[in-house]
């Protein structure tokens, strides 16, 4: 999936979940580290909505309020879109890693749970394991849904880049004006989906934290 900065490293931090295996005595430390990383990732995702807004503002400024020299405005828009694209590539490469590391995490949980002698405690452990696994699955589905709405949005921004890189003129801006307006409309479901993804990461991160203080 393609997604946006600070989504950079988003799945990288989630991959820490793969290290939550090992002896029971230190599992809570690793769970806490993962929870903190997930919460941090949630903040990164939320910040990406701001970058979408920045890209669209730069494009709108270029189209509706062009300077005598268009090059400076185009470079500003170009940088914002490139940052989005770079982060999207990073996240896409980590998507599979998140799923495989999640598998390692739950395999470790199963191993520890199987060694619990008290049947009631073992059943409770399995119940919690299934709750967390379901949350991971929700994140995976939301991640895929976000990609579905983001890909055509990002593709349009890239096409605008290419178009203006060869026709950075008053005529070129007039020709691309409708596409710029469409991008603004298309950004609404993209940002909504990112918001839901951020909420899922935050919720899971807090659920894996050993602290109960208000956050």
C-alpha atoms as a PDB file:
ATOM      1  CA  UNK A   1       0.000   0.000   0.000  1.00  0.00           C
ATOM      2  CA  UNK A   2       1.060   3.561  -0.497  1.00  0.00           C
ATOM      3  CA  UNK A   3       0.733   5.895   2.364  1.00  0.00           C
ATOM      4  CA  UNK A   4       2.287   9.100   3.568  1.00  0.00           C
ATOM      5  CA  UNK A   5       4.984  10.675   5.914  1.00  0.00           C
ATOM      6  CA  UNK A   6       5.551  10.240   8.661  1.00  0.00           C
ATOM      7  CA  UNK A   7       4.059   6.989   7.858  1.00  0.00           C
ATOM      8  CA  UNK A   8       7.688   6.432   7.126  1.00  0.00           C
ATOM      9  CA  UNK A   9       8.751   3.752   9.541  1.00  0.00           C
ATOM     10  CA  UNK A  10       5.151   3.109  10.489  1.00  0.00           C
ATOM     11  CA  UNK A  11       5.404  -0.579   9.806  1.00  0.00           C
ATOM     12  CA  UNK A  12       9.003  -0.534  10.957  1.00  0.00           C
ATOM     13  CA  UNK A  13       7.947   0.307  14.479  1.00  0.00           C
ATOM     14  CA  UNK A  14       5.089  -2.148  14.306  1.00  0.00           C
ATOM     15  CA  UNK A  15       7.605  -4.847  13.430  1.00  0.00           C
ATOM     16  CA  UNK A  16       8.914  -4.565  16.966  1.00  0.00           C
ATOM     17  CA  UNK A  17       5.945  -6.717  17.831  1.00  0.00           C
ATOM     18  CA  UNK A  18       7.892  -9.599  16.383  1.00  0.00           C
ATOM     19  CA  UNK A  19      10.335  -9.439  19.241  1.00  0.00           C
ATOM     20  CA  UNK A  20       7.759  -9.928  21.972  1.00  0.00           C
ATOM     21  CA  UNK A  21       8.763 -13.547  22.317  1.00  0.00           C
ATOM     22  CA  UNK A  22      11.182 -15.009  24.813  1.00  0.00           C
ATOM     23  CA  UNK A  23      11.071 -15.718  28.520  1.00  0.00           C
ATOM     24  CA  UNK A  24       7.999 -14.712  30.443  1.00  0.00           C
ATOM     25  CA  UNK A  25      10.039 -12.623  32.882  1.00  0.00           C
ATOM     26  CA  UNK A  26      10.767  -9.917  30.324  1.00  0.00           C
ATOM     27  CA  UNK A  27       7.841 -10.151  27.945  1.00  0.00           C
ATOM     28  CA  UNK A  28       6.101  -7.189  29.541  1.00  0.00           C
ATOM     29  CA  UNK A  29       9.134  -5.002  28.804  1.00  0.00           C
ATOM     30  CA  UNK A  30       8.958  -5.906  25.133  1.00  0.00           C
ATOM     31  CA  UNK A  31       5.195  -5.457  25.077  1.00  0.00           C
ATOM     32  CA  UNK A  32       5.634  -1.996  26.619  1.00  0.00           C
ATOM     33  CA  UNK A  33       8.207  -1.051  23.986  1.00  0.00           C
ATOM     34  CA  UNK A  34       5.871  -2.185  21.239  1.00  0.00           C
ATOM     35  CA  UNK A  35       2.951  -0.305  22.760  1.00  0.00           C
ATOM     36  CA  UNK A  36       5.007   2.886  22.878  1.00  0.00           C
ATOM     37  CA  UNK A  37       6.114   2.381  19.268  1.00  0.00           C
ATOM     38  CA  UNK A  38       2.551   1.833  18.096  1.00  0.00           C
ATOM     39  CA  UNK A  39       1.400   4.963  19.895  1.00  0.00           C
ATOM     40  CA  UNK A  40       4.241   6.919  18.312  1.00  0.00           C
ATOM     41  CA  UNK A  41       3.283   5.536  14.906  1.00  0.00           C
ATOM     42  CA  UNK A  42      -0.271   6.704  15.481  1.00  0.00           C
ATOM     43  CA  UNK A  43       1.005  10.241  15.911  1.00  0.00           C
ATOM     44  CA  UNK A  44       3.039   9.902  12.709  1.00  0.00           C
ATOM     45  CA  UNK A  45      -0.031   8.850  10.748  1.00  0.00           C
ATOM     46  CA  UNK A  46      -2.064  11.733  12.145  1.00  0.00           C
ATOM     47  CA  UNK A  47       0.648  14.145  11.086  1.00  0.00           C
ATOM     48  CA  UNK A  48       0.424  12.856   7.523  1.00  0.00           C
ATOM     49  CA  UNK A  49      -2.981  14.457   7.111  1.00  0.00           C
ATOM     50  CA  UNK A  50      -1.209  17.774   7.549  1.00  0.00           C
ATOM     51  CA  UNK A  51       1.164  16.884   4.733  1.00  0.00           C
ATOM     52  CA  UNK A  52      -1.761  16.090   2.449  1.00  0.00           C
ATOM     53  CA  UNK A  53      -3.164  19.523   3.251  1.00  0.00           C
ATOM     54  CA  UNK A  54       0.208  21.099   2.538  1.00  0.00           C
ATOM     55  CA  UNK A  55       0.459  19.450  -0.866  1.00  0.00           C
ATOM     56  CA  UNK A  56      -3.033  20.578  -1.801  1.00  0.00           C
ATOM     57  CA  UNK A  57      -2.459  24.113  -0.559  1.00  0.00           C
ATOM     58  CA  UNK A  58       0.702  24.332  -2.624  1.00  0.00           C
ATOM     59  CA  UNK A  59      -1.144  23.075  -5.687  1.00  0.00           C
ATOM     60  CA  UNK A  60      -4.090  25.410  -5.163  1.00  0.00           C
ATOM     61  CA  UNK A  61      -1.761  28.369  -4.656  1.00  0.00           C
ATOM     62  CA  UNK A  62       0.034  27.525  -7.867  1.00  0.00           C
ATOM     63  CA  UNK A  63      -3.183  27.161  -9.872  1.00  0.00           C
ATOM     64  CA  UNK A  64      -5.260  30.008  -8.435  1.00  0.00           C
ATOM     65  CA  UNK A  65      -2.608  32.501  -7.351  1.00  0.00           C
ATOM     66  CA  UNK A  66       0.305  32.069  -9.737  1.00  0.00           C
ATOM     67  CA  UNK A  67       3.380  34.239  -9.273  1.00  0.00           C
ATOM     68  CA  UNK A  68       5.046  35.938 -12.210  1.00  0.00           C
ATOM     69  CA  UNK A  69       7.699  33.218 -11.977  1.00  0.00           C
ATOM     70  CA  UNK A  70       5.937  29.868 -11.480  1.00  0.00           C
ATOM     71  CA  UNK A  71       9.062  27.875 -10.710  1.00  0.00           C
ATOM     72  CA  UNK A  72       9.299  28.606  -6.983  1.00  0.00           C
ATOM     73  CA  UNK A  73       5.675  27.598  -6.359  1.00  0.00           C
ATOM     74  CA  UNK A  74       6.089  24.448  -8.418  1.00  0.00           C
ATOM     75  CA  UNK A  75       9.231  23.453  -6.509  1.00  0.00           C
ATOM     76  CA  UNK A  76       7.331  23.812  -3.226  1.00  0.00           C
ATOM     77  CA  UNK A  77       4.504  21.599  -4.470  1.00  0.00           C
ATOM     78  CA  UNK A  78       6.993  19.175  -5.937  1.00  0.00           C
ATOM     79  CA  UNK A  79       8.850  18.753  -2.637  1.00  0.00           C
ATOM     80  CA  UNK A  80       5.655  18.024  -0.700  1.00  0.00           C
ATOM     81  CA  UNK A  81       4.494  15.387  -3.173  1.00  0.00           C
ATOM     82  CA  UNK A  82       7.922  13.781  -3.269  1.00  0.00           C
ATOM     83  CA  UNK A  83       7.926  13.502   0.505  1.00  0.00           C
ATOM     84  CA  UNK A  84       4.582  11.747   0.331  1.00  0.00           C
ATOM     85  CA  UNK A  85       5.887   9.373  -2.301  1.00  0.00           C
ATOM     86  CA  UNK A  86       9.078   8.543  -0.426  1.00  0.00           C
ATOM     87  CA  UNK A  87       7.178   7.664   2.703  1.00  0.00           C
ATOM     88  CA  UNK A  88       4.658   5.602   0.732  1.00  0.00           C
ATOM     89  CA  UNK A  89       7.476   3.491  -0.669  1.00  0.00           C
ATOM     90  CA  UNK A  90       8.921   2.913   2.802  1.00  0.00           C
ATOM     91  CA  UNK A  91       5.588   1.823   4.220  1.00  0.00           C
ATOM     92  CA  UNK A  92       4.815  -0.483   1.299  1.00  0.00           C
ATOM     93  CA  UNK A  93       8.086  -2.355   1.860  1.00  0.00           C
ATOM     94  CA  UNK A  94       7.208  -2.877   5.530  1.00  0.00           C
ATOM     95  CA  UNK A  95       3.633  -4.088   5.147  1.00  0.00           C
ATOM     96  CA  UNK A  96       4.569  -7.742   4.713  1.00  0.00           C
ATOM     97  CA  UNK A  97       7.080  -7.469   7.543  1.00  0.00           C
ATOM     98  CA  UNK A  98       4.376  -6.323   9.934  1.00  0.00           C
ATOM     99  CA  UNK A  99       2.292  -9.406   9.214  1.00  0.00           C
ATOM    100  CA  UNK A 100       5.175 -11.860   9.523  1.00  0.00           C
ATOM    101  CA  UNK A 101       6.445 -10.321  12.754  1.00  0.00           C
ATOM    102  CA  UNK A 102       2.917 -10.360  14.140  1.00  0.00           C
ATOM    103  CA  UNK A 103       2.893 -14.099  13.463  1.00  0.00           C
ATOM    104  CA  UNK A 104       6.085 -14.505  15.502  1.00  0.00           C
ATOM    105  CA  UNK A 105       4.555 -12.509  18.339  1.00  0.00           C
ATOM    106  CA  UNK A 106       1.504 -14.728  18.622  1.00  0.00           C
ATOM    107  CA  UNK A 107       3.555 -17.891  18.269  1.00  0.00           C
ATOM    108  CA  UNK A 108       5.542 -16.755  21.308  1.00  0.00           C
ATOM    109  CA  UNK A 109       2.353 -15.986  23.210  1.00  0.00           C
ATOM    110  CA  UNK A 110       1.018 -19.462  22.405  1.00  0.00           C
ATOM    111  CA  UNK A 111       4.239 -21.025  23.649  1.00  0.00           C
ATOM    112  CA  UNK A 112       4.091 -19.214  26.976  1.00  0.00           C
ATOM    113  CA  UNK A 113       0.369 -19.883  27.412  1.00  0.00           C
ATOM    114  CA  UNK A 114       0.848 -23.609  26.856  1.00  0.00           C
ATOM    115  CA  UNK A 115       3.197 -23.713  29.860  1.00  0.00           C
ATOM    116  CA  UNK A 116       0.626 -22.246  32.268  1.00  0.00           C
ATOM    117  CA  UNK A 117      -0.561 -24.997  34.601  1.00  0.00           C
ATOM    118  CA  UNK A 118      -3.667 -23.324  35.991  1.00  0.00           C
ATOM    119  CA  UNK A 119      -6.468 -23.954  33.497  1.00  0.00           C
ATOM    120  CA  UNK A 120      -8.423 -20.809  34.385  1.00  0.00           C
ATOM    121  CA  UNK A 121      -5.341 -18.585  33.962  1.00  0.00           C
ATOM    122  CA  UNK A 122      -4.440 -20.350  30.729  1.00  0.00           C
ATOM    123  CA  UNK A 123      -7.947 -19.760  29.368  1.00  0.00           C
ATOM    124  CA  UNK A 124      -7.750 -16.088  30.285  1.00  0.00           C
ATOM    125  CA  UNK A 125      -4.399 -15.823  28.545  1.00  0.00           C
ATOM    126  CA  UNK A 126      -5.847 -17.376  25.413  1.00  0.00           C
ATOM    127  CA  UNK A 127      -8.819 -14.999  25.524  1.00  0.00           C
ATOM    128  CA  UNK A 128      -6.514 -11.981  25.747  1.00  0.00           C
ATOM    129  CA  UNK A 129      -4.350 -13.394  22.985  1.00  0.00           C
ATOM    130  CA  UNK A 130      -7.366 -13.647  20.718  1.00  0.00           C
ATOM    131  CA  UNK A 131      -8.443 -10.091  21.555  1.00  0.00           C
ATOM    132  CA  UNK A 132      -5.031  -8.701  20.629  1.00  0.00           C
ATOM    133  CA  UNK A 133      -4.888 -10.876  17.500  1.00  0.00           C
ATOM    134  CA  UNK A 134      -8.260  -9.506  16.418  1.00  0.00           C
ATOM    135  CA  UNK A 135      -6.936  -5.981  16.897  1.00  0.00           C
ATOM    136  CA  UNK A 136      -3.906  -6.744  14.744  1.00  0.00           C
ATOM    137  CA  UNK A 137      -6.292  -8.069  12.107  1.00  0.00           C
ATOM    138  CA  UNK A 138      -8.363  -4.881  12.215  1.00  0.00           C
ATOM    139  CA  UNK A 139      -5.210  -2.842  11.688  1.00  0.00           C
ATOM    140  CA  UNK A 140      -4.275  -5.012   8.726  1.00  0.00           C
ATOM    141  CA  UNK A 141      -7.705  -4.535   7.140  1.00  0.00           C
ATOM    142  CA  UNK A 142      -7.692  -0.794   7.795  1.00  0.00           C
ATOM    143  CA  UNK A 143      -4.200  -0.568   6.316  1.00  0.00           C
ATOM    144  CA  UNK A 144      -5.431  -2.237   3.121  1.00  0.00           C
ATOM    145  CA  UNK A 145      -8.512   0.000   2.988  1.00  0.00           C
ATOM    146  CA  UNK A 146      -6.352   3.087   3.343  1.00  0.00           C
ATOM    147  CA  UNK A 147      -4.230   1.900   0.441  1.00  0.00           C
ATOM    148  CA  UNK A 148      -7.309   1.481  -1.727  1.00  0.00           C
ATOM    149  CA  UNK A 149      -8.254   5.146  -1.404  1.00  0.00           C
ATOM    150  CA  UNK A 150      -4.723   6.504  -1.266  1.00  0.00           C
ATOM    151  CA  UNK A 151      -3.284   4.933  -4.407  1.00  0.00           C
ATOM    152  CA  UNK A 152      -5.446   6.793  -6.959  1.00  0.00           C
ATOM    153  CA  UNK A 153      -5.051  10.004  -4.945  1.00  0.00           C
ATOM    154  CA  UNK A 154      -1.271   9.733  -5.004  1.00  0.00           C
ATOM    155  CA  UNK A 155      -1.307   8.742  -8.663  1.00  0.00           C
ATOM    156  CA  UNK A 156      -3.188  11.922  -9.561  1.00  0.00           C
ATOM    157  CA  UNK A 157      -0.699  14.065  -7.654  1.00  0.00           C
ATOM    158  CA  UNK A 158       2.164  12.358  -9.485  1.00  0.00           C
ATOM    159  CA  UNK A 159       0.426  12.950 -12.814  1.00  0.00           C
ATOM    160  CA  UNK A 160       0.030  16.632 -12.000  1.00  0.00           C
ATOM    161  CA  UNK A 161       3.745  16.749 -11.228  1.00  0.00           C
ATOM    162  CA  UNK A 162       4.587  15.220 -14.581  1.00  0.00           C
ATOM    163  CA  UNK A 163       2.162  17.436 -16.464  1.00  0.00           C
ATOM    164  CA  UNK A 164       3.451  20.667 -14.940  1.00  0.00           C
ATOM    165  CA  UNK A 165       7.075  19.637 -15.242  1.00  0.00           C
ATOM    166  CA  UNK A 166       6.618  19.806 -19.016  1.00  0.00           C
ATOM    167  CA  UNK A 167       4.010  22.580 -19.236  1.00  0.00           C
ATOM    168  CA  UNK A 168       4.663  25.011 -16.387  1.00  0.00           C
ATOM    169  CA  UNK A 169       2.821  27.866 -18.105  1.00  0.00           C
ATOM    170  CA  UNK A 170      -0.355  29.850 -17.620  1.00  0.00           C
ATOM    171  CA  UNK A 171      -1.999  27.586 -20.183  1.00  0.00           C
ATOM    172  CA  UNK A 172      -0.794  24.495 -18.373  1.00  0.00           C
ATOM    173  CA  UNK A 173      -2.198  25.714 -15.066  1.00  0.00           C
ATOM    174  CA  UNK A 174      -5.569  26.423 -16.686  1.00  0.00           C
ATOM    175  CA  UNK A 175      -5.621  22.929 -18.163  1.00  0.00           C
ATOM    176  CA  UNK A 176      -4.897  21.250 -14.821  1.00  0.00           C
ATOM    177  CA  UNK A 177      -7.285  23.343 -12.695  1.00  0.00           C
ATOM    178  CA  UNK A 178     -10.107  20.786 -12.684  1.00  0.00           C
ATOM    179  CA  UNK A 179      -7.717  18.007 -11.691  1.00  0.00           C
ATOM    180  CA  UNK A 180      -6.482  20.106  -8.765  1.00  0.00           C
ATOM    181  CA  UNK A 181     -10.078  20.605  -7.588  1.00  0.00           C
ATOM    182  CA  UNK A 182     -10.724  16.857  -7.881  1.00  0.00           C
ATOM    183  CA  UNK A 183      -7.635  16.117  -5.770  1.00  0.00           C
ATOM    184  CA  UNK A 184      -9.021  18.298  -2.989  1.00  0.00           C
ATOM    185  CA  UNK A 185     -12.288  16.362  -3.034  1.00  0.00           C
ATOM    186  CA  UNK A 186     -10.523  13.005  -3.186  1.00  0.00           C
ATOM    187  CA  UNK A 187      -8.412  13.917  -0.154  1.00  0.00           C
ATOM    188  CA  UNK A 188     -11.453  13.783   2.135  1.00  0.00           C
ATOM    189  CA  UNK A 189     -11.878   9.965   2.204  1.00  0.00           C
ATOM    190  CA  UNK A 190      -8.089   9.534   2.228  1.00  0.00           C
ATOM    191  CA  UNK A 191      -7.746  11.613   5.382  1.00  0.00           C
ATOM    192  CA  UNK A 192     -10.746   9.894   6.962  1.00  0.00           C
ATOM    193  CA  UNK A 193      -9.147   6.507   6.366  1.00  0.00           C
ATOM    194  CA  UNK A 194      -5.823   7.692   7.751  1.00  0.00           C
ATOM    195  CA  UNK A 195      -7.622   8.921  10.845  1.00  0.00           C
ATOM    196  CA  UNK A 196      -9.167   5.507  11.442  1.00  0.00           C
ATOM    197  CA  UNK A 197      -5.805   3.823  10.918  1.00  0.00           C
ATOM    198  CA  UNK A 198      -4.169   6.184  13.394  1.00  0.00           C
ATOM    199  CA  UNK A 199      -6.888   5.427  15.947  1.00  0.00           C
ATOM    200  CA  UNK A 200      -6.355   1.677  15.558  1.00  0.00           C
ATOM    201  CA  UNK A 201      -2.613   2.010  16.137  1.00  0.00           C
ATOM    202  CA  UNK A 202      -3.135   4.225  19.170  1.00  0.00           C
ATOM    203  CA  UNK A 203      -5.739   1.901  20.676  1.00  0.00           C
ATOM    204  CA  UNK A 204      -3.577  -1.184  20.276  1.00  0.00           C
ATOM    205  CA  UNK A 205      -0.506   0.651  21.558  1.00  0.00           C
ATOM    206  CA  UNK A 206      -2.283   1.764  24.717  1.00  0.00           C
ATOM    207  CA  UNK A 207      -3.719  -1.705  25.268  1.00  0.00           C
ATOM    208  CA  UNK A 208      -0.189  -3.122  25.312  1.00  0.00           C
ATOM    209  CA  UNK A 209       1.155  -0.541  27.753  1.00  0.00           C
ATOM    210  CA  UNK A 210       1.912  -1.504  31.405  1.00  0.00           C
ATOM    211  CA  UNK A 211       0.983   1.989  32.577  1.00  0.00           C
ATOM    212  CA  UNK A 212      -2.498   3.142  33.495  1.00  0.00           C
ATOM    213  CA  UNK A 213      -1.872   6.870  33.894  1.00  0.00           C
ATOM    214  CA  UNK A 214      -4.052   9.178  31.827  1.00  0.00           C
ATOM    215  CA  UNK A 215      -2.573   9.783  28.347  1.00  0.00           C
END
